[in-house]
C-alpha atoms as a PDB file:
ATOM      1  CA  UNK A   1       0.017  -0.054   0.027  1.00  0.00           C
ATOM      2  CA  UNK A   2       1.139   3.870  -0.830  1.00  0.00           C
ATOM      3  CA  UNK A   3       1.420   6.137   1.851  1.00  0.00           C
ATOM      4  CA  UNK A   4      -0.688   9.334   1.258  1.00  0.00           C
ATOM      5  CA  UNK A   5      -0.016  11.525   4.291  1.00  0.00           C
ATOM      6  CA  UNK A   6      -1.428  11.802   7.683  1.00  0.00           C
ATOM      7  CA  UNK A   7      -0.737   8.113   8.660  1.00  0.00           C
ATOM      8  CA  UNK A   8      -3.179   7.024   5.489  1.00  0.00           C
ATOM      9  CA  UNK A   9      -2.191   4.340   3.027  1.00  0.00           C
ATOM     10  CA  UNK A  10      -4.127   3.196  -0.184  1.00  0.00           C
ATOM     11  CA  UNK A  11      -4.113   0.545  -2.693  1.00  0.00           C
ATOM     12  CA  UNK A  12      -6.690  -0.364  -5.636  1.00  0.00           C
ATOM     13  CA  UNK A  13      -8.004  -3.927  -6.593  1.00  0.00           C
ATOM     14  CA  UNK A  14     -10.692  -5.314  -8.444  1.00  0.00           C
ATOM     15  CA  UNK A  15     -13.588  -6.593  -6.468  1.00  0.00           C
ATOM     16  CA  UNK A  16     -17.085  -6.195  -6.322  1.00  0.00           C
ATOM     17  CA  UNK A  17     -19.830  -6.864  -3.997  1.00  0.00           C
ATOM     18  CA  UNK A  18     -19.569 -10.282  -2.382  1.00  0.00           C
ATOM     19  CA  UNK A  19     -15.673  -9.968  -2.798  1.00  0.00           C
ATOM     20  CA  UNK A  20     -13.746 -11.363   0.394  1.00  0.00           C
ATOM     21  CA  UNK A  21     -10.611  -9.561   1.276  1.00  0.00           C
ATOM     22  CA  UNK A  22      -8.198  -8.764   4.117  1.00  0.00           C
ATOM     23  CA  UNK A  23      -4.951  -6.719   4.927  1.00  0.00           C
ATOM     24  CA  UNK A  24      -1.607  -8.686   5.179  1.00  0.00           C
ATOM     25  CA  UNK A  25       0.124  -7.000   8.267  1.00  0.00           C
ATOM     26  CA  UNK A  26       3.047  -9.586   8.256  1.00  0.00           C
ATOM     27  CA  UNK A  27       3.811 -13.297   6.861  1.00  0.00           C
ATOM     28  CA  UNK A  28       1.767 -14.518   9.810  1.00  0.00           C
ATOM     29  CA  UNK A  29      -0.753 -12.050  10.196  1.00  0.00           C
ATOM     30  CA  UNK A  30      -3.875 -11.193   7.731  1.00  0.00           C
ATOM     31  CA  UNK A  31      -6.591  -8.961   9.293  1.00  0.00           C
ATOM     32  CA  UNK A  32     -10.225  -7.839   8.671  1.00  0.00           C
ATOM     33  CA  UNK A  33     -10.837  -4.318   7.436  1.00  0.00           C
ATOM     34  CA  UNK A  34     -11.214  -2.083  10.479  1.00  0.00           C
ATOM     35  CA  UNK A  35     -14.110  -0.463   8.635  1.00  0.00           C
ATOM     36  CA  UNK A  36     -15.487  -3.644   7.345  1.00  0.00           C
ATOM     37  CA  UNK A  37     -19.443  -3.483   6.520  1.00  0.00           C
ATOM     38  CA  UNK A  38     -19.646  -7.099   6.912  1.00  0.00           C
ATOM     39  CA  UNK A  39     -17.944 -10.302   8.504  1.00  0.00           C
ATOM     40  CA  UNK A  40     -19.640 -13.371   7.205  1.00  0.00           C
ATOM     41  CA  UNK A  41     -17.163 -15.706   9.087  1.00  0.00           C
ATOM     42  CA  UNK A  42     -17.055 -13.477  12.386  1.00  0.00           C
ATOM     43  CA  UNK A  43     -14.176 -11.043  13.562  1.00  0.00           C
ATOM     44  CA  UNK A  44     -11.240 -13.308  12.509  1.00  0.00           C
ATOM     45  CA  UNK A  45     -12.447 -13.850   9.071  1.00  0.00           C
ATOM     46  CA  UNK A  46     -12.114 -11.984   5.843  1.00  0.00           C
ATOM     47  CA  UNK A  47     -14.152  -8.692   5.305  1.00  0.00           C
ATOM     48  CA  UNK A  48     -16.836  -8.831   2.601  1.00  0.00           C
ATOM     49  CA  UNK A  49     -17.519  -5.890   0.172  1.00  0.00           C
ATOM     50  CA  UNK A  50     -21.040  -4.667   0.246  1.00  0.00           C
ATOM     51  CA  UNK A  51     -22.697  -2.297  -2.159  1.00  0.00           C
ATOM     52  CA  UNK A  52     -24.478   0.311   0.139  1.00  0.00           C
ATOM     53  CA  UNK A  53     -26.798   1.374  -2.816  1.00  0.00           C
ATOM     54  CA  UNK A  54     -28.004  -2.044  -3.440  1.00  0.00           C
ATOM     55  CA  UNK A  55     -31.189  -2.104  -1.327  1.00  0.00           C
ATOM     56  CA  UNK A  56     -34.302  -0.529  -2.592  1.00  0.00           C
ATOM     57  CA  UNK A  57     -35.854   1.536   0.290  1.00  0.00           C
ATOM     58  CA  UNK A  58     -39.805   1.601   0.285  1.00  0.00           C
ATOM     59  CA  UNK A  59     -40.487   4.248   2.903  1.00  0.00           C
ATOM     60  CA  UNK A  60     -38.363   6.977   1.173  1.00  0.00           C
ATOM     61  CA  UNK A  61     -40.423   9.937   2.520  1.00  0.00           C
ATOM     62  CA  UNK A  62     -39.932   9.032   5.934  1.00  0.00           C
ATOM     63  CA  UNK A  63     -38.377  11.840   8.153  1.00  0.00           C
ATOM     64  CA  UNK A  64     -38.641  10.496  11.631  1.00  0.00           C
ATOM     65  CA  UNK A  65     -40.758  11.798  14.724  1.00  0.00           C
ATOM     66  CA  UNK A  66     -40.013  14.557  17.037  1.00  0.00           C
ATOM     67  CA  UNK A  67     -38.379  13.905  20.538  1.00  0.00           C
ATOM     68  CA  UNK A  68     -41.448  14.490  22.508  1.00  0.00           C
ATOM     69  CA  UNK A  69     -43.311  11.734  20.868  1.00  0.00           C
ATOM     70  CA  UNK A  70     -40.535   9.077  21.553  1.00  0.00           C
ATOM     71  CA  UNK A  71     -41.419   6.166  23.788  1.00  0.00           C
ATOM     72  CA  UNK A  72     -38.525   3.502  23.324  1.00  0.00           C
ATOM     73  CA  UNK A  73     -38.421  -0.091  23.723  1.00  0.00           C
ATOM     74  CA  UNK A  74     -34.934  -1.530  24.026  1.00  0.00           C
ATOM     75  CA  UNK A  75     -34.434  -4.910  22.049  1.00  0.00           C
ATOM     76  CA  UNK A  76     -31.913  -7.368  22.270  1.00  0.00           C
ATOM     77  CA  UNK A  77     -31.780  -8.581  18.383  1.00  0.00           C
ATOM     78  CA  UNK A  78     -30.084 -11.966  19.127  1.00  0.00           C
ATOM     79  CA  UNK A  79     -32.748 -12.753  21.778  1.00  0.00           C
ATOM     80  CA  UNK A  80     -35.460 -11.871  19.373  1.00  0.00           C
ATOM     81  CA  UNK A  81     -34.429 -14.121  16.303  1.00  0.00           C
ATOM     82  CA  UNK A  82     -32.030 -11.917  14.500  1.00  0.00           C
ATOM     83  CA  UNK A  83     -33.026  -8.919  12.154  1.00  0.00           C
ATOM     84  CA  UNK A  84     -35.775 -11.114  10.658  1.00  0.00           C
ATOM     85  CA  UNK A  85     -36.991 -12.288  14.130  1.00  0.00           C
ATOM     86  CA  UNK A  86     -37.532  -8.493  14.925  1.00  0.00           C
ATOM     87  CA  UNK A  87     -39.002  -7.049  11.770  1.00  0.00           C
ATOM     88  CA  UNK A  88     -41.917  -9.930  12.448  1.00  0.00           C
ATOM     89  CA  UNK A  89     -42.443  -8.041  16.112  1.00  0.00           C
ATOM     90  CA  UNK A  90     -42.597  -4.610  14.844  1.00  0.00           C
ATOM     91  CA  UNK A  91     -46.548  -4.655  14.162  1.00  0.00           C
ATOM     92  CA  UNK A  92     -47.097  -6.150  17.536  1.00  0.00           C
ATOM     93  CA  UNK A  93     -44.454  -3.264  18.918  1.00  0.00           C
ATOM     94  CA  UNK A  94     -46.457  -0.274  17.425  1.00  0.00           C
ATOM     95  CA  UNK A  95     -49.731  -1.872  18.729  1.00  0.00           C
ATOM     96  CA  UNK A  96     -48.399  -1.473  22.246  1.00  0.00           C
ATOM     97  CA  UNK A  97     -48.045   1.932  21.846  1.00  0.00           C
ATOM     98  CA  UNK A  98     -44.228   2.219  21.315  1.00  0.00           C
ATOM     99  CA  UNK A  99     -43.011   4.830  19.062  1.00  0.00           C
ATOM    100  CA  UNK A 100     -39.092   3.986  18.651  1.00  0.00           C
ATOM    101  CA  UNK A 101     -37.310   0.525  19.378  1.00  0.00           C
ATOM    102  CA  UNK A 102     -33.666   0.739  20.202  1.00  0.00           C
ATOM    103  CA  UNK A 103     -31.471  -1.831  19.170  1.00  0.00           C
ATOM    104  CA  UNK A 104     -28.911  -2.940  21.494  1.00  0.00           C
ATOM    105  CA  UNK A 105     -25.125  -2.836  19.903  1.00  0.00           C
ATOM    106  CA  UNK A 106     -24.651  -4.463  16.527  1.00  0.00           C
ATOM    107  CA  UNK A 107     -20.989  -3.896  15.847  1.00  0.00           C
ATOM    108  CA  UNK A 108     -19.122  -7.091  15.221  1.00  0.00           C
ATOM    109  CA  UNK A 109     -18.384  -9.171  18.119  1.00  0.00           C
ATOM    110  CA  UNK A 110     -16.567 -12.768  18.684  1.00  0.00           C
ATOM    111  CA  UNK A 111     -18.954 -15.646  18.490  1.00  0.00           C
ATOM    112  CA  UNK A 112     -22.802 -15.543  18.102  1.00  0.00           C
ATOM    113  CA  UNK A 113     -24.025 -14.544  21.582  1.00  0.00           C
ATOM    114  CA  UNK A 114     -23.402 -11.454  23.156  1.00  0.00           C
ATOM    115  CA  UNK A 115     -24.896  -8.334  24.834  1.00  0.00           C
ATOM    116  CA  UNK A 116     -22.873  -6.372  22.043  1.00  0.00           C
ATOM    117  CA  UNK A 117     -20.561  -4.444  24.363  1.00  0.00           C
ATOM    118  CA  UNK A 118     -17.505  -6.747  23.229  1.00  0.00           C
ATOM    119  CA  UNK A 119     -17.859  -5.237  19.591  1.00  0.00           C
ATOM    120  CA  UNK A 120     -14.599  -4.944  17.794  1.00  0.00           C
ATOM    121  CA  UNK A 121     -15.416  -3.960  14.110  1.00  0.00           C
ATOM    122  CA  UNK A 122     -17.857  -0.836  14.950  1.00  0.00           C
ATOM    123  CA  UNK A 123     -19.138  -0.778  10.645  1.00  0.00           C
ATOM    124  CA  UNK A 124     -20.069  -4.205  10.584  1.00  0.00           C
ATOM    125  CA  UNK A 125     -23.639  -5.335  11.755  1.00  0.00           C
ATOM    126  CA  UNK A 126     -23.056  -8.673  13.141  1.00  0.00           C
ATOM    127  CA  UNK A 127     -23.666 -11.610  10.888  1.00  0.00           C
ATOM    128  CA  UNK A 128     -25.006 -13.855  13.579  1.00  0.00           C
ATOM    129  CA  UNK A 129     -28.050 -11.697  13.557  1.00  0.00           C
ATOM    130  CA  UNK A 130     -28.466 -11.675   9.498  1.00  0.00           C
ATOM    131  CA  UNK A 131     -26.940  -9.637   6.762  1.00  0.00           C
ATOM    132  CA  UNK A 132     -26.966  -5.967   5.939  1.00  0.00           C
ATOM    133  CA  UNK A 133     -29.984  -6.168   3.625  1.00  0.00           C
ATOM    134  CA  UNK A 134     -32.111  -7.734   6.246  1.00  0.00           C
ATOM    135  CA  UNK A 135     -31.211  -4.932   8.855  1.00  0.00           C
ATOM    136  CA  UNK A 136     -32.338  -2.278   6.518  1.00  0.00           C
ATOM    137  CA  UNK A 137     -35.370  -4.283   5.881  1.00  0.00           C
ATOM    138  CA  UNK A 138     -36.183  -4.337   9.498  1.00  0.00           C
ATOM    139  CA  UNK A 139     -35.460  -0.177   9.694  1.00  0.00           C
ATOM    140  CA  UNK A 140     -37.635   0.229   6.564  1.00  0.00           C
ATOM    141  CA  UNK A 141     -40.350  -1.942   7.593  1.00  0.00           C
ATOM    142  CA  UNK A 142     -40.455  -0.016  10.978  1.00  0.00           C
ATOM    143  CA  UNK A 143     -40.706   3.320   9.213  1.00  0.00           C
ATOM    144  CA  UNK A 144     -43.884   1.828   7.335  1.00  0.00           C
ATOM    145  CA  UNK A 145     -45.345   1.218  10.943  1.00  0.00           C
ATOM    146  CA  UNK A 146     -44.526   4.785  11.757  1.00  0.00           C
ATOM    147  CA  UNK A 147     -41.794   3.428  14.271  1.00  0.00           C
ATOM    148  CA  UNK A 148     -38.439   5.002  14.949  1.00  0.00           C
ATOM    149  CA  UNK A 149     -35.418   2.906  15.053  1.00  0.00           C
ATOM    150  CA  UNK A 150     -32.400   3.579  17.352  1.00  0.00           C
ATOM    151  CA  UNK A 151     -29.139   2.012  17.476  1.00  0.00           C
ATOM    152  CA  UNK A 152     -26.864   1.676  20.913  1.00  0.00           C
ATOM    153  CA  UNK A 153     -23.217   2.587  19.812  1.00  0.00           C
ATOM    154  CA  UNK A 154     -20.065   1.690  21.711  1.00  0.00           C
ATOM    155  CA  UNK A 155     -17.436   4.475  21.101  1.00  0.00           C
ATOM    156  CA  UNK A 156     -15.537   4.245  24.658  1.00  0.00           C
ATOM    157  CA  UNK A 157     -13.787   0.728  24.137  1.00  0.00           C
ATOM    158  CA  UNK A 158     -12.962  -2.639  21.896  1.00  0.00           C
ATOM    159  CA  UNK A 159     -13.984  -5.768  22.755  1.00  0.00           C
ATOM    160  CA  UNK A 160     -10.871  -8.234  23.837  1.00  0.00           C
ATOM    161  CA  UNK A 161     -11.180 -10.817  20.917  1.00  0.00           C
ATOM    162  CA  UNK A 162     -10.489  -9.567  17.527  1.00  0.00           C
ATOM    163  CA  UNK A 163      -9.347  -6.116  18.067  1.00  0.00           C
ATOM    164  CA  UNK A 164      -6.277  -6.555  15.717  1.00  0.00           C
ATOM    165  CA  UNK A 165      -6.167  -2.557  15.564  1.00  0.00           C
ATOM    166  CA  UNK A 166      -3.970  -2.909  18.728  1.00  0.00           C
ATOM    167  CA  UNK A 167      -1.535  -5.238  16.500  1.00  0.00           C
ATOM    168  CA  UNK A 168      -0.731  -2.451  13.726  1.00  0.00           C
ATOM    169  CA  UNK A 169      -2.165   0.845  14.982  1.00  0.00           C
ATOM    170  CA  UNK A 170      -1.128   1.110  18.336  1.00  0.00           C
ATOM    171  CA  UNK A 171      -1.569   5.079  18.272  1.00  0.00           C
ATOM    172  CA  UNK A 172      -5.266   4.627  17.932  1.00  0.00           C
ATOM    173  CA  UNK A 173      -5.299   3.795  21.895  1.00  0.00           C
ATOM    174  CA  UNK A 174      -3.852   5.933  24.910  1.00  0.00           C
ATOM    175  CA  UNK A 175      -0.823   4.377  26.086  1.00  0.00           C
ATOM    176  CA  UNK A 176      -0.992   3.299  29.741  1.00  0.00           C
ATOM    177  CA  UNK A 177      -4.591   4.574  30.018  1.00  0.00           C
ATOM    178  CA  UNK A 178      -7.266   1.988  30.465  1.00  0.00           C
ATOM    179  CA  UNK A 179     -11.117   2.048  30.888  1.00  0.00           C
ATOM    180  CA  UNK A 180     -13.005  -0.639  32.977  1.00  0.00           C
ATOM    181  CA  UNK A 181     -13.270  -2.676  29.676  1.00  0.00           C
ATOM    182  CA  UNK A 182      -9.874  -2.212  27.981  1.00  0.00           C
ATOM    183  CA  UNK A 183      -7.448   0.401  26.586  1.00  0.00           C
ATOM    184  CA  UNK A 184      -8.695   3.861  26.093  1.00  0.00           C
ATOM    185  CA  UNK A 185      -9.121   5.166  22.612  1.00  0.00           C
ATOM    186  CA  UNK A 186      -7.316   8.292  21.574  1.00  0.00           C
ATOM    187  CA  UNK A 187      -9.772  10.696  20.769  1.00  0.00           C
ATOM    188  CA  UNK A 188      -7.159  13.558  20.581  1.00  0.00           C
ATOM    189  CA  UNK A 189      -6.059  12.349  17.205  1.00  0.00           C
ATOM    190  CA  UNK A 190      -8.035  13.385  14.452  1.00  0.00           C
ATOM    191  CA  UNK A 191      -8.047  10.140  12.416  1.00  0.00           C
ATOM    192  CA  UNK A 192      -9.386   8.567  15.368  1.00  0.00           C
ATOM    193  CA  UNK A 193     -11.991  11.237  15.836  1.00  0.00           C
ATOM    194  CA  UNK A 194     -12.810  10.861  12.222  1.00  0.00           C
ATOM    195  CA  UNK A 195     -13.416   7.260  12.397  1.00  0.00           C
ATOM    196  CA  UNK A 196     -15.951   7.397  14.839  1.00  0.00           C
ATOM    197  CA  UNK A 197     -17.470  10.590  13.254  1.00  0.00           C
ATOM    198  CA  UNK A 198     -17.864   8.626  10.307  1.00  0.00           C
ATOM    199  CA  UNK A 199     -19.415   5.635  11.968  1.00  0.00           C
ATOM    200  CA  UNK A 200     -22.149   7.602  13.441  1.00  0.00           C
ATOM    201  CA  UNK A 201     -22.885   9.047  10.079  1.00  0.00           C
ATOM    202  CA  UNK A 202     -22.799   5.583   8.317  1.00  0.00           C
ATOM    203  CA  UNK A 203     -25.591   4.143  10.561  1.00  0.00           C
ATOM    204  CA  UNK A 204     -27.753   7.399  10.179  1.00  0.00           C
ATOM    205  CA  UNK A 205     -27.260   7.678   6.549  1.00  0.00           C
ATOM    206  CA  UNK A 206     -26.654   4.410   5.171  1.00  0.00           C
ATOM    207  CA  UNK A 207     -29.010   2.387   7.397  1.00  0.00           C
ATOM    208  CA  UNK A 208     -31.353   5.381   8.141  1.00  0.00           C
ATOM    209  CA  UNK A 209     -31.544   4.724  11.852  1.00  0.00           C
ATOM    210  CA  UNK A 210     -33.462   7.618  13.324  1.00  0.00           C
ATOM    211  CA  UNK A 211     -31.207   8.177  16.373  1.00  0.00           C
ATOM    212  CA  UNK A 212     -27.988   6.922  18.327  1.00  0.00           C
ATOM    213  CA  UNK A 213     -27.691   5.841  22.179  1.00  0.00           C
ATOM    214  CA  UNK A 214     -24.037   6.571  22.924  1.00  0.00           C
ATOM    215  CA  UNK A 215     -22.729   3.958  25.703  1.00  0.00           C
ATOM    216  CA  UNK A 216     -20.782   5.113  28.778  1.00  0.00           C
ATOM    217  CA  UNK A 217     -19.747   8.351  27.291  1.00  0.00           C
ATOM    218  CA  UNK A 218     -17.988   8.970  30.693  1.00  0.00           C
ATOM    219  CA  UNK A 219     -15.370   6.569  29.671  1.00  0.00           C
ATOM    220  CA  UNK A 220     -14.618   8.426  26.469  1.00  0.00           C
ATOM    221  CA  UNK A 221     -12.391  10.827  28.517  1.00  0.00           C
ATOM    222  CA  UNK A 222     -12.563  13.715  25.531  1.00  0.00           C
ATOM    223  CA  UNK A 223     -15.444  16.069  26.413  1.00  0.00           C
ATOM    224  CA  UNK A 224     -15.094  18.247  23.666  1.00  0.00           C
ATOM    225  CA  UNK A 225     -15.582  15.217  21.166  1.00  0.00           C
ATOM    226  CA  UNK A 226     -19.018  14.670  21.918  1.00  0.00           C
ATOM    227  CA  UNK A 227     -20.648  18.142  21.033  1.00  0.00           C
ATOM    228  CA  UNK A 228     -18.286  17.916  17.995  1.00  0.00           C
ATOM    229  CA  UNK A 229     -19.909  14.881  16.905  1.00  0.00           C
ATOM    230  CA  UNK A 230     -23.428  16.055  17.805  1.00  0.00           C
ATOM    231  CA  UNK A 231     -22.570  19.344  15.397  1.00  0.00           C
ATOM    232  CA  UNK A 232     -21.233  16.978  12.715  1.00  0.00           C
ATOM    233  CA  UNK A 233     -24.402  15.080  12.468  1.00  0.00           C
ATOM    234  CA  UNK A 234     -26.693  18.114  12.810  1.00  0.00           C
ATOM    235  CA  UNK A 235     -24.928  19.830  10.014  1.00  0.00           C
ATOM    236  CA  UNK A 236     -25.029  16.598   7.836  1.00  0.00           C
ATOM    237  CA  UNK A 237     -28.719  15.327   8.077  1.00  0.00           C
ATOM    238  CA  UNK A 238     -31.010  16.814   5.873  1.00  0.00           C
ATOM    239  CA  UNK A 239     -33.147  19.528   6.866  1.00  0.00           C
ATOM    240  CA  UNK A 240     -36.699  18.458   8.247  1.00  0.00           C
ATOM    241  CA  UNK A 241     -35.313  15.040   9.564  1.00  0.00           C
ATOM    242  CA  UNK A 242     -35.641  14.243  12.991  1.00  0.00           C
ATOM    243  CA  UNK A 243     -32.323  12.541  14.295  1.00  0.00           C
ATOM    244  CA  UNK A 244     -31.882  11.749  18.255  1.00  0.00           C
ATOM    245  CA  UNK A 245     -28.922  11.497  20.121  1.00  0.00           C
ATOM    246  CA  UNK A 246     -29.075  10.226  23.575  1.00  0.00           C
ATOM    247  CA  UNK A 247     -26.434   9.696  26.014  1.00  0.00           C
ATOM    248  CA  UNK A 248     -25.567   7.087  29.023  1.00  0.00           C
ATOM    249  CA  UNK A 249     -23.203   9.233  31.165  1.00  0.00           C
ATOM    250  CA  UNK A 250     -22.731   8.369  34.702  1.00  0.00           C
ATOM    251  CA  UNK A 251     -21.240  11.597  35.628  1.00  0.00           C
ATOM    252  CA  UNK A 252     -25.228  12.926  35.118  1.00  0.00           C
ATOM    253  CA  UNK A 253     -23.985  16.447  33.673  1.00  0.00           C
ATOM    254  CA  UNK A 254     -26.660  18.345  32.282  1.00  0.00           C
ATOM    255  CA  UNK A 255     -24.798  20.628  30.184  1.00  0.00           C
ATOM    256  CA  UNK A 256     -24.570  18.304  27.067  1.00  0.00           C
ATOM    257  CA  UNK A 257     -28.388  18.327  26.996  1.00  0.00           C
ATOM    258  CA  UNK A 258     -28.459  22.322  26.601  1.00  0.00           C
ATOM    259  CA  UNK A 259     -27.673  22.503  23.204  1.00  0.00           C
ATOM    260  CA  UNK A 260     -26.458  18.921  21.704  1.00  0.00           C
ATOM    261  CA  UNK A 261     -28.207  15.856  22.787  1.00  0.00           C
ATOM    262  CA  UNK A 262     -31.754  15.195  23.414  1.00  0.00           C
ATOM    263  CA  UNK A 263     -31.776  13.098  26.415  1.00  0.00           C
ATOM    264  CA  UNK A 264     -29.603  11.454  28.980  1.00  0.00           C
ATOM    265  CA  UNK A 265     -30.134   7.892  30.920  1.00  0.00           C
ATOM    266  CA  UNK A 266     -31.202   8.230  34.446  1.00  0.00           C
ATOM    267  CA  UNK A 267     -28.701   5.506  35.736  1.00  0.00           C
ATOM    268  CA  UNK A 268     -28.873   6.796  39.209  1.00  0.00           C
ATOM    269  CA  UNK A 269     -32.718   5.568  39.527  1.00  0.00           C
ATOM    270  CA  UNK A 270     -31.695   2.003  38.370  1.00  0.00           C
ATOM    271  CA  UNK A 271     -28.593   1.504  40.261  1.00  0.00           C
ATOM    272  CA  UNK A 272     -30.482   2.870  43.535  1.00  0.00           C
ATOM    273  CA  UNK A 273     -33.375   0.627  42.839  1.00  0.00           C
ATOM    274  CA  UNK A 274     -30.942  -2.361  42.014  1.00  0.00           C
ATOM    275  CA  UNK A 275     -29.199  -2.030  45.357  1.00  0.00           C
ATOM    276  CA  UNK A 276     -32.503  -1.681  47.514  1.00  0.00           C
ATOM    277  CA  UNK A 277     -34.015  -4.733  45.775  1.00  0.00           C
ATOM    278  CA  UNK A 278     -30.864  -7.236  45.664  1.00  0.00           C
ATOM    279  CA  UNK A 279     -28.513  -5.880  48.348  1.00  0.00           C
ATOM    280  CA  UNK A 280     -25.605  -6.105  45.463  1.00  0.00           C
ATOM    281  CA  UNK A 281     -22.996  -3.647  46.376  1.00  0.00           C
ATOM    282  CA  UNK A 282     -20.144  -4.845  44.186  1.00  0.00           C
ATOM    283  CA  UNK A 283     -18.430  -2.822  41.316  1.00  0.00           C
ATOM    284  CA  UNK A 284     -20.412   0.646  40.665  1.00  0.00           C
ATOM    285  CA  UNK A 285     -23.180  -0.117  42.690  1.00  0.00           C
ATOM    286  CA  UNK A 286     -20.826   0.460  45.906  1.00  0.00           C
ATOM    287  CA  UNK A 287     -21.502   4.042  45.411  1.00  0.00           C
ATOM    288  CA  UNK A 288     -25.299   3.637  45.865  1.00  0.00           C
ATOM    289  CA  UNK A 289     -24.993   1.056  49.099  1.00  0.00           C
ATOM    290  CA  UNK A 290     -24.903   3.849  51.488  1.00  0.00           C
ATOM    291  CA  UNK A 291     -28.054   5.329  52.446  1.00  0.00           C
ATOM    292  CA  UNK A 292     -29.848   4.291  49.117  1.00  0.00           C
ATOM    293  CA  UNK A 293     -33.223   5.703  50.339  1.00  0.00           C
ATOM    294  CA  UNK A 294     -31.954   9.041  50.719  1.00  0.00           C
ATOM    295  CA  UNK A 295     -30.316   8.582  47.189  1.00  0.00           C
ATOM    296  CA  UNK A 296     -33.470   7.248  45.801  1.00  0.00           C
ATOM    297  CA  UNK A 297     -35.448  10.322  47.078  1.00  0.00           C
ATOM    298  CA  UNK A 298     -33.295  12.584  45.018  1.00  0.00           C
ATOM    299  CA  UNK A 299     -33.930  11.044  41.731  1.00  0.00           C
ATOM    300  CA  UNK A 300     -36.894  12.968  41.001  1.00  0.00           C
ATOM    301  CA  UNK A 301     -35.150  16.258  41.708  1.00  0.00           C
ATOM    302  CA  UNK A 302     -32.650  15.154  39.252  1.00  0.00           C
ATOM    303  CA  UNK A 303     -34.959  13.805  36.752  1.00  0.00           C
ATOM    304  CA  UNK A 304     -36.741  17.447  36.921  1.00  0.00           C
ATOM    305  CA  UNK A 305     -33.522  18.793  35.876  1.00  0.00           C
ATOM    306  CA  UNK A 306     -33.900  17.089  32.378  1.00  0.00           C
ATOM    307  CA  UNK A 307     -37.738  16.663  32.108  1.00  0.00           C
ATOM    308  CA  UNK A 308     -38.048  18.886  29.180  1.00  0.00           C
ATOM    309  CA  UNK A 309     -35.352  16.811  27.209  1.00  0.00           C
ATOM    310  CA  UNK A 310     -37.017  13.510  28.159  1.00  0.00           C
ATOM    311  CA  UNK A 311     -40.678  13.964  28.588  1.00  0.00           C
ATOM    312  CA  UNK A 312     -41.799  10.236  28.294  1.00  0.00           C
ATOM    313  CA  UNK A 313     -40.322   6.874  30.093  1.00  0.00           C
ATOM    314  CA  UNK A 314     -37.714   5.380  28.560  1.00  0.00           C
ATOM    315  CA  UNK A 315     -38.421   1.626  28.963  1.00  0.00           C
ATOM    316  CA  UNK A 316     -36.443  -1.367  28.794  1.00  0.00           C
ATOM    317  CA  UNK A 317     -37.591  -4.478  27.040  1.00  0.00           C
END
């Protein structure tokens, strides 16, 4: 591959949709594309070329729904039978009064069963759940039922199995800095920032998701990146289209809700109730084990701070 400046390299090769390919790093290491669109043989196999324009969308006039109409139902795609299984349940969800479903992370992970938080290829919807075309059919069908579709995205770490970036792009990660789940990603590097900017737009534009839920942003350790992400999204989507950005942020900071994000998960209410109901006080539950009743009493006051951004209940399904 030929250097092109800015730590980028390029090469041209023949290969249409369906072509399998890898990058040869050394004599004994060939890796998938870090921006692979599909991994039919899981995270250690070759990437497959996908034609992003092959799918013919039916609901082309869909522009989403305003945030104040949002009633979220969280879905684990694997537990519902893959993309096809979720598609079959959309009509039922609409009849329940749900206005949006949120898919737990789809970025390709090792194996066939996972919560989704061990993903290592952020652009590849996991093949254990179906094909990219089936995922687009799910979203297209949802829009036909006037349902929004959100995606849970993980930008704070990579999973432990299949993370080949660490073998050939060590500077993608901050040396000596770790999150609870692995090495911290270095968002101070423009190439890294752009990798995830483009990923957010990829899901919103190519797959036409209506919103993103950003997992554990408190572990990103780069506060300026979040408003920049929001600005990039807002400036890229067409006028009149409703696209919603939701945070999971254990810092409970409200400043990001003032102009850049639509809502923030109220983890304090969940964690306090969990301690009261189970007595568990390990890991982050330890912060809620002391005087949990008093902490629970504070939750309504905290929720009022963000009430204008989250007027309806966010439900876990």
